[in-house]
Amino acid sequence: MPSLLFKLRNVPDDEAEDVRELLSEHNIEFYETTAGNWGISMPGIWLHNDNDYPTARQLLDTYQQQRSQQHRAEYQAAKAEGRAETQWQWLRQEPLKVIGSLLAILILLYLSISIFY
């Protein structure tokens, strides 16, 4: 029976490609499902053989831990060099979007609280 190894919803293309390569390098048979025409199905990477699941899970966990450490290191380096985007920079780049978001939050907060008063 097929086993779901990795959900592909909201996953960057480079990460999905890395997972495919990782499984192929270790001769683990898999197939992919898409979100379908309406985007409501489960996109994912599935294993053909249940016996491969523990090995594939171990490989995937190791890969994700390394990826996480790499991205954190890149962010810390960018932050130390002053290249990391701050909220003030975001406000300067897209003021209407930030102000609109804050206004929407305040309206929802008001509507949620006004019921009790």
PDB file of N, CA and C in Angstrom:
ATOM      1  N   MET A   1       0.838  -1.173   0.000  1.00  0.00           N
ATOM      2  CA  MET A   1       0.000   0.000   0.000  1.00  0.00           C
ATOM      3  C   MET A   1       0.891   1.247   0.000  1.00  0.00           C
ATOM      4  N   PRO A   2       0.588   2.223  -0.843  1.00  0.00           N
ATOM      5  CA  PRO A   2       1.406   3.437  -0.920  1.00  0.00           C
ATOM      6  C   PRO A   2       1.383   4.222   0.390  1.00  0.00           C
ATOM      7  N   SER A   3       2.497   4.889   0.677  1.00  0.00           N
ATOM      8  CA  SER A   3       2.615   5.709   1.883  1.00  0.00           C
ATOM      9  C   SER A   3       2.984   7.132   1.492  1.00  0.00           C
ATOM     10  N   LEU A   4       2.301   8.099   2.088  1.00  0.00           N
ATOM     11  CA  LEU A   4       2.620   9.501   1.850  1.00  0.00           C
ATOM     12  C   LEU A   4       3.888   9.844   2.616  1.00  0.00           C
ATOM     13  N   LEU A   5       4.893  10.305   1.902  1.00  0.00           N
ATOM     14  CA  LEU A   5       6.156  10.678   2.528  1.00  0.00           C
ATOM     15  C   LEU A   5       6.259  12.177   2.732  1.00  0.00           C
ATOM     16  N   PHE A   6       5.825  12.956   1.737  1.00  0.00           N
ATOM     17  CA  PHE A   6       6.110  14.381   1.737  1.00  0.00           C
ATOM     18  C   PHE A   6       4.976  15.133   1.052  1.00  0.00           C
ATOM     19  N   LYS A   7       4.339  16.045   1.770  1.00  0.00           N
ATOM     20  CA  LYS A   7       3.287  16.874   1.182  1.00  0.00           C
ATOM     21  C   LYS A   7       3.933  18.022   0.413  1.00  0.00           C
ATOM     22  N   LEU A   8       3.442  18.263  -0.792  1.00  0.00           N
ATOM     23  CA  LEU A   8       4.049  19.271  -1.660  1.00  0.00           C
ATOM     24  C   LEU A   8       3.324  20.615  -1.671  1.00  0.00           C
ATOM     25  N   ARG A   9       2.266  20.754  -0.883  1.00  0.00           N
ATOM     26  CA  ARG A   9       1.541  22.025  -0.874  1.00  0.00           C
ATOM     27  C   ARG A   9       2.417  23.100  -0.227  1.00  0.00           C
ATOM     28  N   ASN A  10       2.578  24.222  -0.915  1.00  0.00           N
ATOM     29  CA  ASN A  10       3.362  25.373  -0.458  1.00  0.00           C
ATOM     30  C   ASN A  10       4.845  25.057  -0.248  1.00  0.00           C
ATOM     31  N   VAL A  11       5.368  24.099  -0.975  1.00  0.00           N
ATOM     32  CA  VAL A  11       6.786  23.739  -0.881  1.00  0.00           C
ATOM     33  C   VAL A  11       7.520  24.408  -2.046  1.00  0.00           C
ATOM     34  N   PRO A  12       8.656  25.051  -1.788  1.00  0.00           N
ATOM     35  CA  PRO A  12       9.421  25.657  -2.889  1.00  0.00           C
ATOM     36  C   PRO A  12       9.871  24.594  -3.890  1.00  0.00           C
ATOM     37  N   ASP A  13       9.973  24.996  -5.145  1.00  0.00           N
ATOM     38  CA  ASP A  13      10.349  24.067  -6.210  1.00  0.00           C
ATOM     39  C   ASP A  13      11.713  23.437  -5.975  1.00  0.00           C
ATOM     40  N   ASP A  14      12.663  24.218  -5.458  1.00  0.00           N
ATOM     41  CA  ASP A  14      14.001  23.664  -5.250  1.00  0.00           C
ATOM     42  C   ASP A  14      13.995  22.585  -4.165  1.00  0.00           C
ATOM     43  N   GLU A  15      13.184  22.750  -3.149  1.00  0.00           N
ATOM     44  CA  GLU A  15      13.100  21.731  -2.095  1.00  0.00           C
ATOM     45  C   GLU A  15      12.455  20.457  -2.624  1.00  0.00           C
ATOM     46  N   ALA A  16      11.375  20.597  -3.401  1.00  0.00           N
ATOM     47  CA  ALA A  16      10.715  19.425  -3.980  1.00  0.00           C
ATOM     48  C   ALA A  16      11.678  18.677  -4.906  1.00  0.00           C
ATOM     49  N   GLU A  17      12.440  19.421  -5.694  1.00  0.00           N
ATOM     50  CA  GLU A  17      13.409  18.790  -6.594  1.00  0.00           C
ATOM     51  C   GLU A  17      14.504  18.071  -5.808  1.00  0.00           C
ATOM     52  N   ASP A  18      14.960  18.672  -4.726  1.00  0.00           N
ATOM     53  CA  ASP A  18      15.974  18.027  -3.883  1.00  0.00           C
ATOM     54  C   ASP A  18      15.459  16.717  -3.292  1.00  0.00           C
ATOM     55  N   VAL A  19      14.204  16.698  -2.883  1.00  0.00           N
ATOM     56  CA  VAL A  19      13.620  15.468  -2.318  1.00  0.00           C
ATOM     57  C   VAL A  19      13.526  14.389  -3.394  1.00  0.00           C
ATOM     58  N   ARG A  20      13.117  14.780  -4.596  1.00  0.00           N
ATOM     59  CA  ARG A  20      13.058  13.810  -5.696  1.00  0.00           C
ATOM     60  C   ARG A  20      14.433  13.213  -5.985  1.00  0.00           C
ATOM     61  N   GLU A  21      15.448  14.074  -6.042  1.00  0.00           N
ATOM     62  CA  GLU A  21      16.818  13.608  -6.300  1.00  0.00           C
ATOM     63  C   GLU A  21      17.313  12.702  -5.177  1.00  0.00           C
ATOM     64  N   LEU A  22      17.004  13.061  -3.946  1.00  0.00           N
ATOM     65  CA  LEU A  22      17.418  12.269  -2.790  1.00  0.00           C
ATOM     66  C   LEU A  22      16.840  10.857  -2.854  1.00  0.00           C
ATOM     67  N   LEU A  23      15.568  10.767  -3.189  1.00  0.00           N
ATOM     68  CA  LEU A  23      14.937   9.447  -3.284  1.00  0.00           C
ATOM     69  C   LEU A  23      15.490   8.649  -4.464  1.00  0.00           C
ATOM     70  N   SER A  24      15.723   9.330  -5.573  1.00  0.00           N
ATOM     71  CA  SER A  24      16.275   8.645  -6.749  1.00  0.00           C
ATOM     72  C   SER A  24      17.691   8.141  -6.492  1.00  0.00           C
ATOM     73  N   GLU A  25      18.495   8.933  -5.804  1.00  0.00           N
ATOM     74  CA  GLU A  25      19.879   8.529  -5.503  1.00  0.00           C
ATOM     75  C   GLU A  25      19.926   7.270  -4.649  1.00  0.00           C
ATOM     76  N   HIS A  26      18.929   7.099  -3.789  1.00  0.00           N
ATOM     77  CA  HIS A  26      18.905   5.937  -2.899  1.00  0.00           C
ATOM     78  C   HIS A  26      17.998   4.825  -3.416  1.00  0.00           C
ATOM     79  N   ASN A  27      17.633   4.901  -4.699  1.00  0.00           N
ATOM     80  CA  ASN A  27      16.834   3.867  -5.369  1.00  0.00           C
ATOM     81  C   ASN A  27      15.536   3.556  -4.626  1.00  0.00           C
ATOM     82  N   ILE A  28      14.873   4.593  -4.177  1.00  0.00           N
ATOM     83  CA  ILE A  28      13.571   4.435  -3.532  1.00  0.00           C
ATOM     84  C   ILE A  28      12.513   4.825  -4.557  1.00  0.00           C
ATOM     85  N   GLU A  29      11.624   3.879  -4.848  1.00  0.00           N
ATOM     86  CA  GLU A  29      10.595   4.127  -5.855  1.00  0.00           C
ATOM     87  C   GLU A  29       9.499   5.000  -5.264  1.00  0.00           C
ATOM     88  N   PHE A  30       9.118   6.018  -6.025  1.00  0.00           N
ATOM     89  CA  PHE A  30       8.094   6.958  -5.562  1.00  0.00           C
ATOM     90  C   PHE A  30       7.302   7.455  -6.762  1.00  0.00           C
ATOM     91  N   TYR A  31       6.183   8.084  -6.450  1.00  0.00           N
ATOM     92  CA  TYR A  31       5.425   8.781  -7.482  1.00  0.00           C
ATOM     93  C   TYR A  31       4.827  10.030  -6.852  1.00  0.00           C
ATOM     94  N   GLU A  32       4.380  10.939  -7.710  1.00  0.00           N
ATOM     95  CA  GLU A  32       3.847  12.222  -7.245  1.00  0.00           C
ATOM     96  C   GLU A  32       2.391  12.357  -7.614  1.00  0.00           C
ATOM     97  N   THR A  33       1.662  13.041  -6.742  1.00  0.00           N
ATOM     98  CA  THR A  33       0.310  13.450  -7.066  1.00  0.00           C
ATOM     99  C   THR A  33       0.285  14.974  -7.091  1.00  0.00           C
ATOM    100  N   THR A  34      -0.579  15.520  -7.914  1.00  0.00           N
ATOM    101  CA  THR A  34      -0.694  16.974  -8.035  1.00  0.00           C
ATOM    102  C   THR A  34      -1.941  17.450  -7.295  1.00  0.00           C
ATOM    103  N   ALA A  35      -2.096  18.752  -7.239  1.00  0.00           N
ATOM    104  CA  ALA A  35      -3.268  19.331  -6.585  1.00  0.00           C
ATOM    105  C   ALA A  35      -4.506  19.230  -7.472  1.00  0.00           C
ATOM    106  N   GLY A  36      -4.336  18.775  -8.691  1.00  0.00           N
ATOM    107  CA  GLY A  36      -5.466  18.636  -9.597  1.00  0.00           C
ATOM    108  C   GLY A  36      -5.819  19.946 -10.276  1.00  0.00           C
ATOM    109  N   ASN A  37      -6.851  19.890 -11.098  1.00  0.00           N
ATOM    110  CA  ASN A  37      -7.263  21.074 -11.864  1.00  0.00           C
ATOM    111  C   ASN A  37      -7.790  22.189 -10.979  1.00  0.00           C
ATOM    112  N   TRP A  38      -8.461  21.842  -9.882  1.00  0.00           N
ATOM    113  CA  TRP A  38      -9.053  22.854  -9.021  1.00  0.00           C
ATOM    114  C   TRP A  38      -8.203  23.143  -7.802  1.00  0.00           C
ATOM    115  N   GLY A  39      -7.085  22.437  -7.647  1.00  0.00           N
ATOM    116  CA  GLY A  39      -6.181  22.694  -6.539  1.00  0.00           C
ATOM    117  C   GLY A  39      -6.663  22.193  -5.195  1.00  0.00           C
ATOM    118  N   ILE A  40      -7.582  21.222  -5.184  1.00  0.00           N
ATOM    119  CA  ILE A  40      -8.130  20.751  -3.914  1.00  0.00           C
ATOM    120  C   ILE A  40      -7.615  19.377  -3.511  1.00  0.00           C
ATOM    121  N   SER A  41      -6.917  18.708  -4.396  1.00  0.00           N
ATOM    122  CA  SER A  41      -6.372  17.387  -4.058  1.00  0.00           C
ATOM    123  C   SER A  41      -5.060  17.546  -3.292  1.00  0.00           C
ATOM    124  N   MET A  42      -4.548  16.428  -2.765  1.00  0.00           N
ATOM    125  CA  MET A  42      -3.323  16.445  -1.959  1.00  0.00           C
ATOM    126  C   MET A  42      -2.109  16.248  -2.857  1.00  0.00           C
ATOM    127  N   PRO A  43      -1.342  17.317  -3.113  1.00  0.00           N
ATOM    128  CA  PRO A  43      -0.097  17.116  -3.845  1.00  0.00           C
ATOM    129  C   PRO A  43       0.937  16.520  -2.896  1.00  0.00           C
ATOM    130  N   GLY A  44       1.610  15.497  -3.352  1.00  0.00           N
ATOM    131  CA  GLY A  44       2.594  14.882  -2.470  1.00  0.00           C
ATOM    132  C   GLY A  44       3.475  13.884  -3.187  1.00  0.00           C
ATOM    133  N   ILE A  45       4.468  13.417  -2.446  1.00  0.00           N
ATOM    134  CA  ILE A  45       5.351  12.356  -2.917  1.00  0.00           C
ATOM    135  C   ILE A  45       5.007  11.118  -2.115  1.00  0.00           C
ATOM    136  N   TRP A  46       4.684  10.063  -2.832  1.00  0.00           N
ATOM    137  CA  TRP A  46       4.232   8.813  -2.228  1.00  0.00           C
ATOM    138  C   TRP A  46       5.239   7.712  -2.540  1.00  0.00           C
ATOM    139  N   LEU A  47       5.390   6.799  -1.622  1.00  0.00           N
ATOM    140  CA  LEU A  47       6.280   5.655  -1.823  1.00  0.00           C
ATOM    141  C   LEU A  47       5.462   4.455  -2.279  1.00  0.00           C
ATOM    142  N   HIS A  48       6.003   3.716  -3.248  1.00  0.00           N
ATOM    143  CA  HIS A  48       5.339   2.504  -3.718  1.00  0.00           C
ATOM    144  C   HIS A  48       5.375   1.404  -2.661  1.00  0.00           C
ATOM    145  N   ASN A  49       6.514   1.280  -1.995  1.00  0.00           N
ATOM    146  CA  ASN A  49       6.738   0.169  -1.080  1.00  0.00           C
ATOM    147  C   ASN A  49       6.767   0.677   0.363  1.00  0.00           C
ATOM    148  N   ASP A  50       5.909   0.127   1.208  1.00  0.00           N
ATOM    149  CA  ASP A  50       5.877   0.531   2.617  1.00  0.00           C
ATOM    150  C   ASP A  50       7.181   0.226   3.343  1.00  0.00           C
ATOM    151  N   ASN A  51       7.909  -0.766   2.881  1.00  0.00           N
ATOM    152  CA  ASN A  51       9.164  -1.141   3.539  1.00  0.00           C
ATOM    153  C   ASN A  51      10.241  -0.066   3.382  1.00  0.00           C
ATOM    154  N   ASP A  52      10.099   0.786   2.363  1.00  0.00           N
ATOM    155  CA  ASP A  52      11.062   1.870   2.136  1.00  0.00           C
ATOM    156  C   ASP A  52      10.795   3.089   3.024  1.00  0.00           C
ATOM    157  N   TYR A  53       9.647   3.108   3.681  1.00  0.00           N
ATOM    158  CA  TYR A  53       9.255   4.304   4.432  1.00  0.00           C
ATOM    159  C   TYR A  53      10.251   4.691   5.533  1.00  0.00           C
ATOM    160  N   PRO A  54      10.679   3.770   6.407  1.00  0.00           N
ATOM    161  CA  PRO A  54      11.616   4.192   7.464  1.00  0.00           C
ATOM    162  C   PRO A  54      12.918   4.797   6.917  1.00  0.00           C
ATOM    163  N   THR A  55      13.456   4.190   5.873  1.00  0.00           N
ATOM    164  CA  THR A  55      14.687   4.700   5.267  1.00  0.00           C
ATOM    165  C   THR A  55      14.452   6.070   4.647  1.00  0.00           C
ATOM    166  N   ALA A  56      13.359   6.194   3.894  1.00  0.00           N
ATOM    167  CA  ALA A  56      13.041   7.463   3.242  1.00  0.00           C
ATOM    168  C   ALA A  56      12.758   8.551   4.268  1.00  0.00           C
ATOM    169  N   ARG A  57      12.061   8.200   5.340  1.00  0.00           N
ATOM    170  CA  ARG A  57      11.762   9.171   6.389  1.00  0.00           C
ATOM    171  C   ARG A  57      13.042   9.678   7.041  1.00  0.00           C
ATOM    172  N   GLN A  58      13.979   8.754   7.295  1.00  0.00           N
ATOM    173  CA  GLN A  58      15.273   9.116   7.895  1.00  0.00           C
ATOM    174  C   GLN A  58      16.036  10.059   6.957  1.00  0.00           C
ATOM    175  N   LEU A  59      16.082   9.728   5.667  1.00  0.00           N
ATOM    176  CA  LEU A  59      16.766  10.572   4.690  1.00  0.00           C
ATOM    177  C   LEU A  59      16.132  11.962   4.620  1.00  0.00           C
ATOM    178  N   LEU A  60      14.804  11.991   4.597  1.00  0.00           N
ATOM    179  CA  LEU A  60      14.086  13.257   4.501  1.00  0.00           C
ATOM    180  C   LEU A  60      14.289  14.107   5.757  1.00  0.00           C
ATOM    181  N   ASP A  61      14.238  13.495   6.918  1.00  0.00           N
ATOM    182  CA  ASP A  61      14.459  14.242   8.160  1.00  0.00           C
ATOM    183  C   ASP A  61      15.855  14.839   8.207  1.00  0.00           C
ATOM    184  N   THR A  62      16.854  14.053   7.789  1.00  0.00           N
ATOM    185  CA  THR A  62      18.232  14.546   7.756  1.00  0.00           C
ATOM    186  C   THR A  62      18.364  15.707   6.773  1.00  0.00           C
ATOM    187  N   TYR A  63      17.762  15.554   5.588  1.00  0.00           N
ATOM    188  CA  TYR A  63      17.815  16.599   4.572  1.00  0.00           C
ATOM    189  C   TYR A  63      17.166  17.885   5.088  1.00  0.00           C
ATOM    190  N   GLN A  64      15.990  17.766   5.712  1.00  0.00           N
ATOM    191  CA  GLN A  64      15.289  18.954   6.183  1.00  0.00           C
ATOM    192  C   GLN A  64      16.044  19.644   7.322  1.00  0.00           C
ATOM    193  N   GLN A  65      16.681  18.868   8.154  1.00  0.00           N
ATOM    194  CA  GLN A  65      17.477  19.461   9.227  1.00  0.00           C
ATOM    195  C   GLN A  65      18.660  20.238   8.639  1.00  0.00           C
ATOM    196  N   GLN A  66      19.338  19.652   7.647  1.00  0.00           N
ATOM    197  CA  GLN A  66      20.458  20.340   7.004  1.00  0.00           C
ATOM    198  C   GLN A  66      19.980  21.599   6.286  1.00  0.00           C
ATOM    199  N   ARG A  67      18.851  21.508   5.603  1.00  0.00           N
ATOM    200  CA  ARG A  67      18.295  22.660   4.885  1.00  0.00           C
ATOM    201  C   ARG A  67      17.935  23.774   5.865  1.00  0.00           C
ATOM    202  N   SER A  68      17.352  23.407   6.974  1.00  0.00           N
ATOM    203  CA  SER A  68      16.986  24.387   7.986  1.00  0.00           C
ATOM    204  C   SER A  68      18.218  25.088   8.541  1.00  0.00           C
ATOM    205  N   GLN A  69      19.243  24.326   8.850  1.00  0.00           N
ATOM    206  CA  GLN A  69      20.473  24.914   9.372  1.00  0.00           C
ATOM    207  C   GLN A  69      21.125  25.836   8.345  1.00  0.00           C
ATOM    208  N   GLN A  70      21.109  25.425   7.092  1.00  0.00           N
ATOM    209  CA  GLN A  70      21.699  26.236   6.026  1.00  0.00           C
ATOM    210  C   GLN A  70      20.952  27.562   5.880  1.00  0.00           C
ATOM    211  N   HIS A  71      19.625  27.515   5.871  1.00  0.00           N
ATOM    212  CA  HIS A  71      18.847  28.742   5.711  1.00  0.00           C
ATOM    213  C   HIS A  71      18.990  29.656   6.917  1.00  0.00           C
ATOM    214  N   ARG A  72      19.054  29.076   8.104  1.00  0.00           N
ATOM    215  CA  ARG A  72      19.268  29.898   9.293  1.00  0.00           C
ATOM    216  C   ARG A  72      20.629  30.586   9.242  1.00  0.00           C
ATOM    217  N   ALA A  73      21.650  29.850   8.811  1.00  0.00           N
ATOM    218  CA  ALA A  73      22.991  30.429   8.707  1.00  0.00           C
ATOM    219  C   ALA A  73      23.008  31.556   7.675  1.00  0.00           C
ATOM    220  N   GLU A  74      22.336  31.356   6.543  1.00  0.00           N
ATOM    221  CA  GLU A  74      22.270  32.399   5.518  1.00  0.00           C
ATOM    222  C   GLU A  74      21.545  33.632   6.049  1.00  0.00           C
ATOM    223  N   TYR A  75      20.467  33.402   6.799  1.00  0.00           N
ATOM    224  CA  TYR A  75      19.719  34.535   7.366  1.00  0.00           C
ATOM    225  C   TYR A  75      20.567  35.286   8.385  1.00  0.00           C
ATOM    226  N   GLN A  76      21.258  34.557   9.239  1.00  0.00           N
ATOM    227  CA  GLN A  76      22.100  35.200  10.239  1.00  0.00           C
ATOM    228  C   GLN A  76      23.223  36.004   9.581  1.00  0.00           C
ATOM    229  N   ALA A  77      23.795  35.455   8.511  1.00  0.00           N
ATOM    230  CA  ALA A  77      24.849  36.177   7.788  1.00  0.00           C
ATOM    231  C   ALA A  77      24.281  37.445   7.145  1.00  0.00           C
ATOM    232  N   ALA A  78      23.097  37.335   6.538  1.00  0.00           N
ATOM    233  CA  ALA A  78      22.461  38.499   5.928  1.00  0.00           C
ATOM    234  C   ALA A  78      22.101  39.530   6.994  1.00  0.00           C
ATOM    235  N   LYS A  79      21.671  39.064   8.141  1.00  0.00           N
ATOM    236  CA  LYS A  79      21.322  39.969   9.234  1.00  0.00           C
ATOM    237  C   LYS A  79      22.564  40.695   9.756  1.00  0.00           C
ATOM    238  N   ALA A  80      23.661  39.953   9.878  1.00  0.00           N
ATOM    239  CA  ALA A  80      24.908  40.556  10.358  1.00  0.00           C
ATOM    240  C   ALA A  80      25.445  41.591   9.369  1.00  0.00           C
ATOM    241  N   GLU A  81      25.239  41.345   8.070  1.00  0.00           N
ATOM    242  CA  GLU A  81      25.715  42.275   7.041  1.00  0.00           C
ATOM    243  C   GLU A  81      24.717  43.397   6.768  1.00  0.00           C
ATOM    244  N   GLY A  82      23.536  43.304   7.374  1.00  0.00           N
ATOM    245  CA  GLY A  82      22.517  44.323   7.164  1.00  0.00           C
ATOM    246  C   GLY A  82      21.702  44.127   5.903  1.00  0.00           C
ATOM    247  N   ARG A  83      21.770  42.951   5.311  1.00  0.00           N
ATOM    248  CA  ARG A  83      21.012  42.664   4.086  1.00  0.00           C
ATOM    249  C   ARG A  83      19.636  42.065   4.368  1.00  0.00           C
ATOM    250  N   ALA A  84      19.394  41.600   5.599  1.00  0.00           N
ATOM    251  CA  ALA A  84      18.116  40.978   5.938  1.00  0.00           C
ATOM    252  C   ALA A  84      17.028  42.044   5.956  1.00  0.00           C
ATOM    253  N   GLU A  85      15.891  41.720   5.374  1.00  0.00           N
ATOM    254  CA  GLU A  85      14.798  42.679   5.296  1.00  0.00           C
ATOM    255  C   GLU A  85      14.138  42.834   6.664  1.00  0.00           C
ATOM    256  N   THR A  86      13.994  44.077   7.088  1.00  0.00           N
ATOM    257  CA  THR A  86      13.340  44.356   8.355  1.00  0.00           C
ATOM    258  C   THR A  86      11.911  44.812   8.087  1.00  0.00           C
ATOM    259  N   GLN A  87      11.134  44.927   9.144  1.00  0.00           N
ATOM    260  CA  GLN A  87       9.749  45.365   8.976  1.00  0.00           C
ATOM    261  C   GLN A  87       9.679  46.830   8.567  1.00  0.00           C
ATOM    262  N   TRP A  88      10.640  47.637   9.016  1.00  0.00           N
ATOM    263  CA  TRP A  88      10.668  49.031   8.588  1.00  0.00           C
ATOM    264  C   TRP A  88      10.958  49.142   7.098  1.00  0.00           C
ATOM    265  N   GLN A  89      11.851  48.301   6.590  1.00  0.00           N
ATOM    266  CA  GLN A  89      12.133  48.297   5.151  1.00  0.00           C
ATOM    267  C   GLN A  89      10.897  47.861   4.372  1.00  0.00           C
ATOM    268  N   TRP A  90      10.198  46.874   4.908  1.00  0.00           N
ATOM    269  CA  TRP A  90       8.972  46.401   4.266  1.00  0.00           C
ATOM    270  C   TRP A  90       7.932  47.513   4.240  1.00  0.00           C
ATOM    271  N   LEU A  91       7.834  48.261   5.345  1.00  0.00           N
ATOM    272  CA  LEU A  91       6.902  49.384   5.406  1.00  0.00           C
ATOM    273  C   LEU A  91       7.262  50.445   4.372  1.00  0.00           C
ATOM    274  N   ARG A  92       8.557  50.733   4.214  1.00  0.00           N
ATOM    275  CA  ARG A  92       8.982  51.725   3.225  1.00  0.00           C
ATOM    276  C   ARG A  92       8.761  51.251   1.789  1.00  0.00           C
ATOM    277  N   GLN A  93       8.910  49.951   1.548  1.00  0.00           N
ATOM    278  CA  GLN A  93       8.758  49.422   0.196  1.00  0.00           C
ATOM    279  C   GLN A  93       7.291  49.316  -0.219  1.00  0.00           C
ATOM    280  N   GLU A  94       6.434  48.896   0.715  1.00  0.00           N
ATOM    281  CA  GLU A  94       5.025  48.686   0.386  1.00  0.00           C
ATOM    282  C   GLU A  94       4.130  49.291   1.463  1.00  0.00           C
ATOM    283  N   PRO A  95       4.093  50.624   1.552  1.00  0.00           N
ATOM    284  CA  PRO A  95       3.332  51.251   2.634  1.00  0.00           C
ATOM    285  C   PRO A  95       1.826  50.990   2.563  1.00  0.00           C
ATOM    286  N   LEU A  96       1.257  50.982   1.373  1.00  0.00           N
ATOM    287  CA  LEU A  96      -0.183  50.763   1.257  1.00  0.00           C
ATOM    288  C   LEU A  96      -0.571  49.352   1.702  1.00  0.00           C
ATOM    289  N   LYS A  97       0.244  48.387   1.357  1.00  0.00           N
ATOM    290  CA  LYS A  97      -0.034  47.006   1.740  1.00  0.00           C
ATOM    291  C   LYS A  97       0.044  46.839   3.258  1.00  0.00           C
ATOM    292  N   VAL A  98       1.044  47.433   3.874  1.00  0.00           N
ATOM    293  CA  VAL A  98       1.222  47.334   5.327  1.00  0.00           C
ATOM    294  C   VAL A  98       0.089  48.057   6.044  1.00  0.00           C
ATOM    295  N   ILE A  99      -0.213  49.265   5.625  1.00  0.00           N
ATOM    296  CA  ILE A  99      -1.267  50.036   6.273  1.00  0.00           C
ATOM    297  C   ILE A  99      -2.617  49.356   6.070  1.00  0.00           C
ATOM    298  N   GLY A 100      -2.867  48.829   4.886  1.00  0.00           N
ATOM    299  CA  GLY A 100      -4.115  48.101   4.622  1.00  0.00           C
ATOM    300  C   GLY A 100      -4.243  46.867   5.498  1.00  0.00           C
ATOM    301  N   SER A 101      -3.153  46.148   5.658  1.00  0.00           N
ATOM    302  CA  SER A 101      -3.177  44.954   6.511  1.00  0.00           C
ATOM    303  C   SER A 101      -3.448  45.325   7.961  1.00  0.00           C
ATOM    304  N   LEU A 102      -2.768  46.345   8.443  1.00  0.00           N
ATOM    305  CA  LEU A 102      -2.990  46.791   9.818  1.00  0.00           C
ATOM    306  C   LEU A 102      -4.415  47.283  10.021  1.00  0.00           C
ATOM    307  N   LEU A 103      -4.951  47.991   9.053  1.00  0.00           N
ATOM    308  CA  LEU A 103      -6.323  48.474   9.135  1.00  0.00           C
ATOM    309  C   LEU A 103      -7.307  47.313   9.163  1.00  0.00           C
ATOM    310  N   ALA A 104      -7.076  46.306   8.337  1.00  0.00           N
ATOM    311  CA  ALA A 104      -7.948  45.123   8.321  1.00  0.00           C
ATOM    312  C   ALA A 104      -7.893  44.394   9.663  1.00  0.00           C
ATOM    313  N   ILE A 105      -6.722  44.291  10.239  1.00  0.00           N
ATOM    314  CA  ILE A 105      -6.577  43.641  11.545  1.00  0.00           C
ATOM    315  C   ILE A 105      -7.341  44.419  12.604  1.00  0.00           C
ATOM    316  N   LEU A 106      -7.206  45.752  12.608  1.00  0.00           N
ATOM    317  CA  LEU A 106      -7.901  46.571  13.594  1.00  0.00           C
ATOM    318  C   LEU A 106      -9.415  46.479  13.443  1.00  0.00           C
ATOM    319  N   ILE A 107      -9.907  46.448  12.213  1.00  0.00           N
ATOM    320  CA  ILE A 107     -11.353  46.319  11.980  1.00  0.00           C
ATOM    321  C   ILE A 107     -11.855  44.975  12.490  1.00  0.00           C
ATOM    322  N   LEU A 108     -11.137  43.904  12.174  1.00  0.00           N
ATOM    323  CA  LEU A 108     -11.542  42.583  12.664  1.00  0.00           C
ATOM    324  C   LEU A 108     -11.487  42.509  14.180  1.00  0.00           C
ATOM    325  N   LEU A 109     -10.485  43.104  14.778  1.00  0.00           N
ATOM    326  CA  LEU A 109     -10.371  43.134  16.229  1.00  0.00           C
ATOM    327  C   LEU A 109     -11.537  43.913  16.838  1.00  0.00           C
ATOM    328  N   TYR A 110     -11.864  45.057  16.257  1.00  0.00           N
ATOM    329  CA  TYR A 110     -12.993  45.858  16.735  1.00  0.00           C
ATOM    330  C   TYR A 110     -14.302  45.069  16.643  1.00  0.00           C
ATOM    331  N   LEU A 111     -14.541  44.437  15.482  1.00  0.00           N
ATOM    332  CA  LEU A 111     -15.772  43.673  15.313  1.00  0.00           C
ATOM    333  C   LEU A 111     -15.847  42.496  16.284  1.00  0.00           C
ATOM    334  N   SER A 112     -14.727  41.880  16.560  1.00  0.00           N
ATOM    335  CA  SER A 112     -14.704  40.742  17.476  1.00  0.00           C
ATOM    336  C   SER A 112     -14.980  41.178  18.922  1.00  0.00           C
ATOM    337  N   ILE A 113     -14.429  42.311  19.307  1.00  0.00           N
ATOM    338  CA  ILE A 113     -14.572  42.779  20.689  1.00  0.00           C
ATOM    339  C   ILE A 113     -15.871  43.529  20.911  1.00  0.00           C
ATOM    340  N   SER A 114     -16.364  44.232  19.908  1.00  0.00           N
ATOM    341  CA  SER A 114     -17.562  45.065  20.083  1.00  0.00           C
ATOM    342  C   SER A 114     -18.801  44.236  20.422  1.00  0.00           C
ATOM    343  N   ILE A 115     -18.815  42.979  20.139  1.00  0.00           N
ATOM    344  CA  ILE A 115     -19.946  42.110  20.455  1.00  0.00           C
ATOM    345  C   ILE A 115     -20.162  42.038  21.968  1.00  0.00           C
ATOM    346  N   PHE A 116     -19.114  42.121  22.727  1.00  0.00           N
ATOM    347  CA  PHE A 116     -19.188  41.974  24.169  1.00  0.00           C
ATOM    348  C   PHE A 116     -19.516  43.272  24.900  1.00  0.00           C
ATOM    349  N   TYR A 117     -19.520  44.396  24.213  1.00  0.00           N
ATOM    350  CA  TYR A 117     -19.775  45.680  24.872  1.00  0.00           C
ATOM    351  C   TYR A 117     -21.056  46.302  24.407  1.00  0.00           C
TER     352      TYR A 117
END
